[in-house]
């Protein structure tokens, strides 16, 4: 499991709205450049992917382990906010194959063209209007 400082716990909407989307057979990687130098990662698994909480949690733990085995966060040259969306195929997949897919996704992310990196955290739409 990643240390608490490297886990993303909020601002998922920013990642989903403005982030890069990289599809693999086992997960979808969504990411935006971080506004500070702290890389963070979150894993989400929907009930559509696995009905039972035990299986969703197993997929979540496997994806955290795959990200660590693939070298997160040291493998990335820049800090990102990353959300991994787990698929049901991640439950039975070969661990080494998943690590290879994660490394390839990280490589694609490094080549992604993002707008200039923000210097402060984005505000939610509700905070802007209120």
N, C-alpha and C. Protein backbone atom coordinates (compact mmCIF):
# COMPACT_ATOMS: atom_id res chain seq x y z
N UNK A 1 0.85 -1.18 0.00
CA UNK A 1 0.00 0.00 0.00
C UNK A 1 0.89 1.23 0.00
N UNK A 2 0.47 2.21 -0.73
CA UNK A 2 1.23 3.46 -0.81
C UNK A 2 1.14 4.22 0.50
N UNK A 3 2.17 5.00 0.83
CA UNK A 3 2.08 5.86 2.00
C UNK A 3 0.96 6.88 1.84
N UNK A 4 0.43 7.34 2.95
CA UNK A 4 -0.71 8.25 2.93
C UNK A 4 -0.41 9.52 2.13
N UNK A 5 0.84 9.99 2.14
CA UNK A 5 1.21 11.21 1.43
C UNK A 5 1.11 11.04 -0.07
N UNK A 6 1.10 9.81 -0.56
CA UNK A 6 1.06 9.56 -2.00
C UNK A 6 -0.32 9.11 -2.49
N UNK A 7 -1.32 9.09 -1.59
CA UNK A 7 -2.66 8.69 -1.99
C UNK A 7 -3.52 9.93 -2.26
N UNK A 8 -4.29 9.86 -3.32
CA UNK A 8 -5.20 10.94 -3.69
C UNK A 8 -6.54 10.67 -3.01
N UNK A 9 -7.02 11.65 -2.24
CA UNK A 9 -8.26 11.43 -1.50
C UNK A 9 -9.37 12.39 -1.89
N UNK A 10 -9.07 13.43 -2.63
CA UNK A 10 -10.10 14.37 -3.07
C UNK A 10 -9.69 14.98 -4.41
N UNK A 11 -10.52 15.85 -4.95
CA UNK A 11 -10.30 16.49 -6.25
C UNK A 11 -10.31 15.49 -7.40
N UNK A 12 -11.12 14.44 -7.27
CA UNK A 12 -11.25 13.48 -8.36
C UNK A 12 -11.88 14.14 -9.57
N UNK A 13 -12.79 15.07 -9.35
CA UNK A 13 -13.51 15.68 -10.48
C UNK A 13 -12.56 16.40 -11.43
N UNK A 14 -11.52 17.02 -10.90
CA UNK A 14 -10.54 17.71 -11.74
C UNK A 14 -9.84 16.70 -12.64
N UNK A 15 -9.49 15.56 -12.09
CA UNK A 15 -8.80 14.52 -12.87
C UNK A 15 -9.72 13.99 -13.97
N UNK A 16 -11.00 13.78 -13.65
CA UNK A 16 -11.93 13.25 -14.64
C UNK A 16 -12.28 14.28 -15.71
N UNK A 17 -12.37 15.55 -15.35
CA UNK A 17 -12.77 16.58 -16.32
C UNK A 17 -11.63 16.98 -17.24
N UNK A 18 -10.43 17.15 -16.71
CA UNK A 18 -9.34 17.73 -17.49
C UNK A 18 -8.18 16.78 -17.75
N UNK A 19 -8.30 15.56 -17.29
CA UNK A 19 -7.15 14.66 -17.33
C UNK A 19 -7.01 13.86 -18.60
N UNK A 20 -5.82 13.33 -18.76
CA UNK A 20 -5.53 12.40 -19.85
C UNK A 20 -6.22 11.08 -19.53
N UNK A 21 -6.61 10.36 -20.57
CA UNK A 21 -7.28 9.07 -20.40
C UNK A 21 -6.52 8.03 -21.19
N UNK A 22 -6.01 7.04 -20.50
CA UNK A 22 -5.24 5.97 -21.14
C UNK A 22 -5.91 4.65 -20.80
N UNK A 23 -6.39 3.96 -21.82
CA UNK A 23 -7.10 2.68 -21.63
C UNK A 23 -6.14 1.51 -21.75
N UNK A 24 -6.32 0.54 -20.87
CA UNK A 24 -5.61 -0.73 -20.94
C UNK A 24 -6.64 -1.84 -20.72
N UNK A 25 -6.28 -3.09 -20.93
CA UNK A 25 -7.25 -4.17 -20.71
C UNK A 25 -7.65 -4.33 -19.24
N UNK A 26 -6.82 -3.85 -18.30
CA UNK A 26 -7.05 -4.10 -16.89
C UNK A 26 -7.52 -2.87 -16.11
N UNK A 27 -7.27 -1.70 -16.62
CA UNK A 27 -7.62 -0.46 -15.92
C UNK A 27 -7.63 0.70 -16.90
N UNK A 28 -8.21 1.81 -16.46
CA UNK A 28 -8.14 3.07 -17.18
C UNK A 28 -7.34 4.02 -16.29
N UNK A 29 -6.34 4.66 -16.85
CA UNK A 29 -5.53 5.62 -16.10
C UNK A 29 -5.98 7.03 -16.48
N UNK A 30 -6.39 7.82 -15.51
CA UNK A 30 -6.75 9.23 -15.71
C UNK A 30 -5.74 10.04 -14.92
N UNK A 31 -5.21 11.12 -15.50
CA UNK A 31 -4.17 11.89 -14.81
C UNK A 31 -4.16 13.34 -15.26
N UNK A 32 -3.76 14.20 -14.34
CA UNK A 32 -3.49 15.62 -14.62
C UNK A 32 -2.18 15.96 -13.92
N UNK A 33 -1.44 16.94 -14.44
CA UNK A 33 -0.23 17.37 -13.74
C UNK A 33 -0.60 17.93 -12.37
N UNK A 34 0.22 17.63 -11.40
CA UNK A 34 -0.02 18.13 -10.04
C UNK A 34 0.34 19.60 -9.96
N UNK A 35 -0.37 20.33 -9.11
CA UNK A 35 -0.10 21.77 -8.94
C UNK A 35 0.98 21.99 -7.89
N UNK A 36 1.41 20.92 -7.25
CA UNK A 36 2.56 20.97 -6.35
C UNK A 36 3.48 19.82 -6.75
N UNK A 37 4.49 19.56 -5.98
CA UNK A 37 5.45 18.51 -6.36
C UNK A 37 5.16 17.18 -5.68
N UNK A 38 3.92 16.96 -5.29
CA UNK A 38 3.56 15.72 -4.61
C UNK A 38 2.73 14.83 -5.53
N UNK A 39 3.32 13.74 -6.05
CA UNK A 39 2.53 12.83 -6.87
C UNK A 39 1.53 12.07 -6.00
N UNK A 40 0.33 11.86 -6.52
CA UNK A 40 -0.70 11.16 -5.75
C UNK A 40 -1.44 10.20 -6.66
N UNK A 41 -1.91 9.10 -6.05
CA UNK A 41 -2.58 8.04 -6.79
C UNK A 41 -3.82 7.58 -6.03
N UNK A 42 -4.89 7.34 -6.76
CA UNK A 42 -6.11 6.75 -6.20
C UNK A 42 -6.55 5.62 -7.11
N UNK A 43 -7.20 4.63 -6.51
CA UNK A 43 -7.76 3.52 -7.27
C UNK A 43 -9.24 3.43 -6.94
N UNK A 44 -10.07 3.39 -7.97
CA UNK A 44 -11.50 3.22 -7.78
C UNK A 44 -11.96 2.00 -8.58
N UNK A 45 -12.91 1.28 -8.01
CA UNK A 45 -13.47 0.12 -8.68
C UNK A 45 -14.98 0.20 -8.47
N UNK A 46 -15.73 0.21 -9.56
CA UNK A 46 -17.18 0.34 -9.46
C UNK A 46 -17.84 -1.01 -9.21
N UNK A 47 -19.09 -0.94 -8.81
CA UNK A 47 -19.87 -2.17 -8.63
C UNK A 47 -20.12 -2.86 -9.96
N UNK A 48 -20.03 -2.12 -11.04
CA UNK A 48 -20.18 -2.72 -12.36
C UNK A 48 -19.03 -3.70 -12.64
N UNK A 49 -17.85 -3.36 -12.15
CA UNK A 49 -16.67 -4.21 -12.37
C UNK A 49 -16.72 -5.46 -11.49
N UNK A 50 -17.17 -5.30 -10.26
CA UNK A 50 -17.24 -6.42 -9.33
C UNK A 50 -18.37 -6.15 -8.33
N UNK A 51 -19.32 -7.04 -8.29
CA UNK A 51 -20.49 -6.84 -7.42
C UNK A 51 -20.13 -6.93 -5.94
N UNK A 52 -19.26 -7.86 -5.59
CA UNK A 52 -18.92 -8.08 -4.18
C UNK A 52 -17.79 -7.14 -3.74
N UNK A 53 -17.94 -6.59 -2.55
CA UNK A 53 -16.94 -5.68 -2.00
C UNK A 53 -15.59 -6.37 -1.84
N UNK A 54 -15.59 -7.65 -1.53
CA UNK A 54 -14.34 -8.40 -1.37
C UNK A 54 -13.55 -8.37 -2.67
N UNK A 55 -14.23 -8.57 -3.78
CA UNK A 55 -13.55 -8.57 -5.08
C UNK A 55 -13.11 -7.16 -5.48
N UNK A 56 -13.95 -6.16 -5.22
CA UNK A 56 -13.55 -4.77 -5.51
C UNK A 56 -12.31 -4.39 -4.72
N UNK A 57 -12.26 -4.77 -3.46
CA UNK A 57 -11.09 -4.46 -2.64
C UNK A 57 -9.85 -5.22 -3.11
N UNK A 58 -10.03 -6.45 -3.57
CA UNK A 58 -8.89 -7.22 -4.08
C UNK A 58 -8.33 -6.56 -5.35
N UNK A 59 -9.22 -6.11 -6.23
CA UNK A 59 -8.78 -5.39 -7.44
C UNK A 59 -8.05 -4.13 -7.04
N UNK A 60 -8.60 -3.38 -6.09
CA UNK A 60 -7.97 -2.14 -5.63
C UNK A 60 -6.57 -2.41 -5.07
N UNK A 61 -6.43 -3.41 -4.23
CA UNK A 61 -5.11 -3.74 -3.66
C UNK A 61 -4.13 -4.18 -4.75
N UNK A 62 -4.61 -4.97 -5.71
CA UNK A 62 -3.73 -5.41 -6.80
C UNK A 62 -3.24 -4.22 -7.62
N UNK A 63 -4.13 -3.27 -7.91
CA UNK A 63 -3.71 -2.12 -8.71
C UNK A 63 -2.74 -1.23 -7.95
N UNK A 64 -2.93 -1.06 -6.65
CA UNK A 64 -1.94 -0.32 -5.85
C UNK A 64 -0.58 -1.03 -5.91
N UNK A 65 -0.58 -2.37 -5.78
CA UNK A 65 0.67 -3.13 -5.83
C UNK A 65 1.32 -3.05 -7.21
N UNK A 66 0.50 -3.10 -8.26
CA UNK A 66 1.03 -2.99 -9.63
C UNK A 66 1.68 -1.62 -9.84
N UNK A 67 1.03 -0.56 -9.35
CA UNK A 67 1.59 0.78 -9.50
C UNK A 67 2.93 0.89 -8.77
N UNK A 68 3.03 0.31 -7.58
CA UNK A 68 4.30 0.34 -6.86
C UNK A 68 5.36 -0.48 -7.59
N UNK A 69 4.97 -1.65 -8.11
CA UNK A 69 5.93 -2.50 -8.84
C UNK A 69 6.38 -1.83 -10.14
N UNK A 70 5.53 -1.01 -10.73
CA UNK A 70 5.88 -0.31 -11.97
C UNK A 70 6.73 0.93 -11.69
N UNK A 71 6.94 1.25 -10.43
CA UNK A 71 7.85 2.35 -10.10
C UNK A 71 7.18 3.65 -9.73
N UNK A 72 5.90 3.64 -9.37
CA UNK A 72 5.25 4.88 -8.94
C UNK A 72 5.78 5.25 -7.57
N UNK A 73 6.14 6.50 -7.31
CA UNK A 73 6.12 7.66 -8.18
C UNK A 73 7.45 7.95 -8.85
N UNK A 74 8.50 7.21 -8.50
CA UNK A 74 9.83 7.51 -8.99
C UNK A 74 10.01 7.41 -10.49
N UNK A 75 9.20 6.59 -11.15
CA UNK A 75 9.33 6.39 -12.59
C UNK A 75 8.87 7.60 -13.40
N UNK A 76 8.02 8.43 -12.83
CA UNK A 76 7.49 9.59 -13.54
C UNK A 76 8.38 10.81 -13.32
N UNK A 77 8.69 11.51 -14.39
CA UNK A 77 9.57 12.67 -14.31
C UNK A 77 8.85 13.87 -13.69
N UNK A 78 7.54 13.90 -13.78
CA UNK A 78 6.75 15.01 -13.29
C UNK A 78 5.74 14.47 -12.29
N UNK A 79 5.29 15.31 -11.37
CA UNK A 79 4.27 14.90 -10.41
C UNK A 79 2.89 14.96 -11.06
N UNK A 80 2.09 13.92 -10.86
CA UNK A 80 0.74 13.84 -11.41
C UNK A 80 -0.25 13.48 -10.33
N UNK A 81 -1.50 13.82 -10.56
CA UNK A 81 -2.63 13.31 -9.81
C UNK A 81 -3.21 12.22 -10.69
N UNK A 82 -3.17 10.97 -10.23
CA UNK A 82 -3.57 9.82 -11.04
C UNK A 82 -4.73 9.09 -10.38
N UNK A 83 -5.73 8.75 -11.18
CA UNK A 83 -6.82 7.89 -10.74
C UNK A 83 -6.84 6.67 -11.64
N UNK A 84 -6.75 5.49 -11.04
CA UNK A 84 -6.85 4.24 -11.78
C UNK A 84 -8.26 3.70 -11.59
N UNK A 85 -8.93 3.37 -12.67
CA UNK A 85 -10.27 2.79 -12.62
C UNK A 85 -10.12 1.32 -12.97
N UNK A 86 -10.35 0.47 -12.00
CA UNK A 86 -10.12 -0.96 -12.18
C UNK A 86 -11.20 -1.65 -12.96
N UNK A 87 -10.81 -2.63 -13.79
CA UNK A 87 -11.74 -3.47 -14.53
C UNK A 87 -11.77 -4.85 -13.87
N UNK A 88 -12.80 -5.61 -14.17
CA UNK A 88 -12.94 -6.96 -13.61
C UNK A 88 -11.80 -7.87 -14.06
N UNK A 89 -11.24 -7.60 -15.23
CA UNK A 89 -10.14 -8.45 -15.73
C UNK A 89 -8.89 -8.37 -14.86
N UNK A 90 -8.77 -7.31 -14.05
CA UNK A 90 -7.60 -7.16 -13.18
C UNK A 90 -7.57 -8.19 -12.06
N UNK A 91 -8.71 -8.79 -11.78
CA UNK A 91 -8.79 -9.75 -10.69
C UNK A 91 -8.04 -11.04 -11.00
N UNK A 92 -8.15 -11.51 -12.23
CA UNK A 92 -7.56 -12.80 -12.62
C UNK A 92 -6.32 -12.65 -13.49
N UNK A 93 -5.92 -11.45 -13.82
CA UNK A 93 -4.81 -11.23 -14.76
C UNK A 93 -3.47 -11.58 -14.13
N UNK A 94 -2.51 -11.89 -14.99
CA UNK A 94 -1.15 -12.16 -14.56
C UNK A 94 -0.51 -10.86 -14.05
N UNK A 95 0.10 -10.92 -12.88
CA UNK A 95 0.66 -9.73 -12.25
C UNK A 95 1.74 -9.09 -13.12
N UNK A 96 2.62 -9.89 -13.70
CA UNK A 96 3.70 -9.36 -14.53
C UNK A 96 3.15 -8.65 -15.77
N UNK A 97 2.09 -9.18 -16.33
CA UNK A 97 1.47 -8.54 -17.50
C UNK A 97 0.85 -7.20 -17.10
N UNK A 98 0.26 -7.15 -15.91
CA UNK A 98 -0.32 -5.90 -15.43
C UNK A 98 0.76 -4.85 -15.18
N UNK A 99 1.89 -5.27 -14.65
CA UNK A 99 3.01 -4.34 -14.43
C UNK A 99 3.50 -3.79 -15.76
N UNK A 100 3.60 -4.65 -16.77
CA UNK A 100 4.01 -4.21 -18.10
C UNK A 100 3.03 -3.18 -18.66
N UNK A 101 1.74 -3.42 -18.50
CA UNK A 101 0.72 -2.47 -18.96
C UNK A 101 0.82 -1.15 -18.22
N UNK A 102 1.09 -1.21 -16.91
CA UNK A 102 1.21 0.02 -16.11
C UNK A 102 2.44 0.81 -16.55
N UNK A 103 3.56 0.14 -16.79
CA UNK A 103 4.76 0.83 -17.26
C UNK A 103 4.50 1.50 -18.60
N UNK A 104 3.80 0.80 -19.49
CA UNK A 104 3.47 1.38 -20.80
C UNK A 104 2.54 2.59 -20.64
N UNK A 105 1.59 2.50 -19.71
CA UNK A 105 0.69 3.63 -19.47
C UNK A 105 1.46 4.82 -18.91
N UNK A 106 2.41 4.57 -18.00
CA UNK A 106 3.23 5.66 -17.46
C UNK A 106 4.06 6.30 -18.57
N UNK A 107 4.59 5.48 -19.49
CA UNK A 107 5.38 6.02 -20.61
C UNK A 107 4.50 6.88 -21.51
N UNK A 108 3.28 6.43 -21.80
CA UNK A 108 2.36 7.25 -22.61
C UNK A 108 2.01 8.54 -21.89
N UNK A 109 1.85 8.47 -20.58
CA UNK A 109 1.52 9.66 -19.81
C UNK A 109 2.63 10.69 -19.88
N UNK A 110 3.86 10.25 -19.84
CA UNK A 110 5.01 11.16 -19.92
C UNK A 110 5.06 11.88 -21.26
N UNK A 111 4.54 11.27 -22.32
CA UNK A 111 4.55 11.88 -23.64
C UNK A 111 3.29 12.70 -23.93
N UNK A 112 2.35 12.72 -23.00
CA UNK A 112 1.09 13.44 -23.19
C UNK A 112 1.34 14.94 -23.16
N UNK A 113 0.64 15.67 -24.01
CA UNK A 113 0.78 17.13 -24.05
C UNK A 113 -0.32 17.77 -23.21
N UNK A 114 0.09 18.26 -22.05
CA UNK A 114 -0.82 18.95 -21.16
C UNK A 114 -0.62 20.45 -21.31
N UNK A 115 -1.62 21.26 -20.93
CA UNK A 115 -1.40 22.70 -20.87
C UNK A 115 -0.37 23.00 -19.77
N UNK A 116 0.15 24.22 -19.69
CA UNK A 116 1.14 24.53 -18.67
C UNK A 116 0.66 24.14 -17.27
N UNK A 117 1.59 23.69 -16.49
CA UNK A 117 1.29 23.19 -15.14
C UNK A 117 0.75 24.30 -14.25
N UNK A 118 -0.40 24.07 -13.59
CA UNK A 118 -0.93 25.09 -12.69
C UNK A 118 -0.07 25.23 -11.44
N UNK A 119 -0.12 26.40 -10.81
CA UNK A 119 0.68 26.64 -9.62
C UNK A 119 -0.12 26.54 -8.34
N UNK A 120 -1.45 26.46 -8.46
CA UNK A 120 -2.29 26.32 -7.27
C UNK A 120 -3.41 25.34 -7.56
N UNK A 121 -3.99 24.76 -6.52
CA UNK A 121 -5.05 23.77 -6.74
C UNK A 121 -6.26 24.39 -7.41
N UNK A 122 -6.91 23.65 -8.29
CA UNK A 122 -8.12 24.17 -8.93
C UNK A 122 -9.25 24.28 -7.93
N UNK A 123 -10.15 25.22 -8.17
CA UNK A 123 -11.30 25.39 -7.30
C UNK A 123 -12.49 24.68 -7.92
N UNK A 124 -13.36 24.19 -7.07
CA UNK A 124 -14.59 23.56 -7.56
C UNK A 124 -15.52 24.65 -8.10
N UNK A 125 -16.42 24.27 -8.96
CA UNK A 125 -17.37 25.22 -9.53
C UNK A 125 -18.23 25.85 -8.45
N UNK A 126 -18.57 25.09 -7.41
CA UNK A 126 -19.40 25.64 -6.33
C UNK A 126 -18.65 26.73 -5.56
N UNK A 127 -17.35 26.56 -5.38
CA UNK A 127 -16.55 27.56 -4.68
C UNK A 127 -16.41 28.83 -5.49
N UNK A 128 -16.35 28.70 -6.82
CA UNK A 128 -16.19 29.88 -7.68
C UNK A 128 -17.44 30.76 -7.67
N UNK A 129 -18.60 30.10 -7.74
CA UNK A 129 -19.83 30.88 -7.84
C UNK A 129 -20.32 31.40 -6.50
N UNK A 130 -19.89 30.81 -5.40
CA UNK A 130 -20.42 31.16 -4.09
C UNK A 130 -19.58 32.08 -3.37
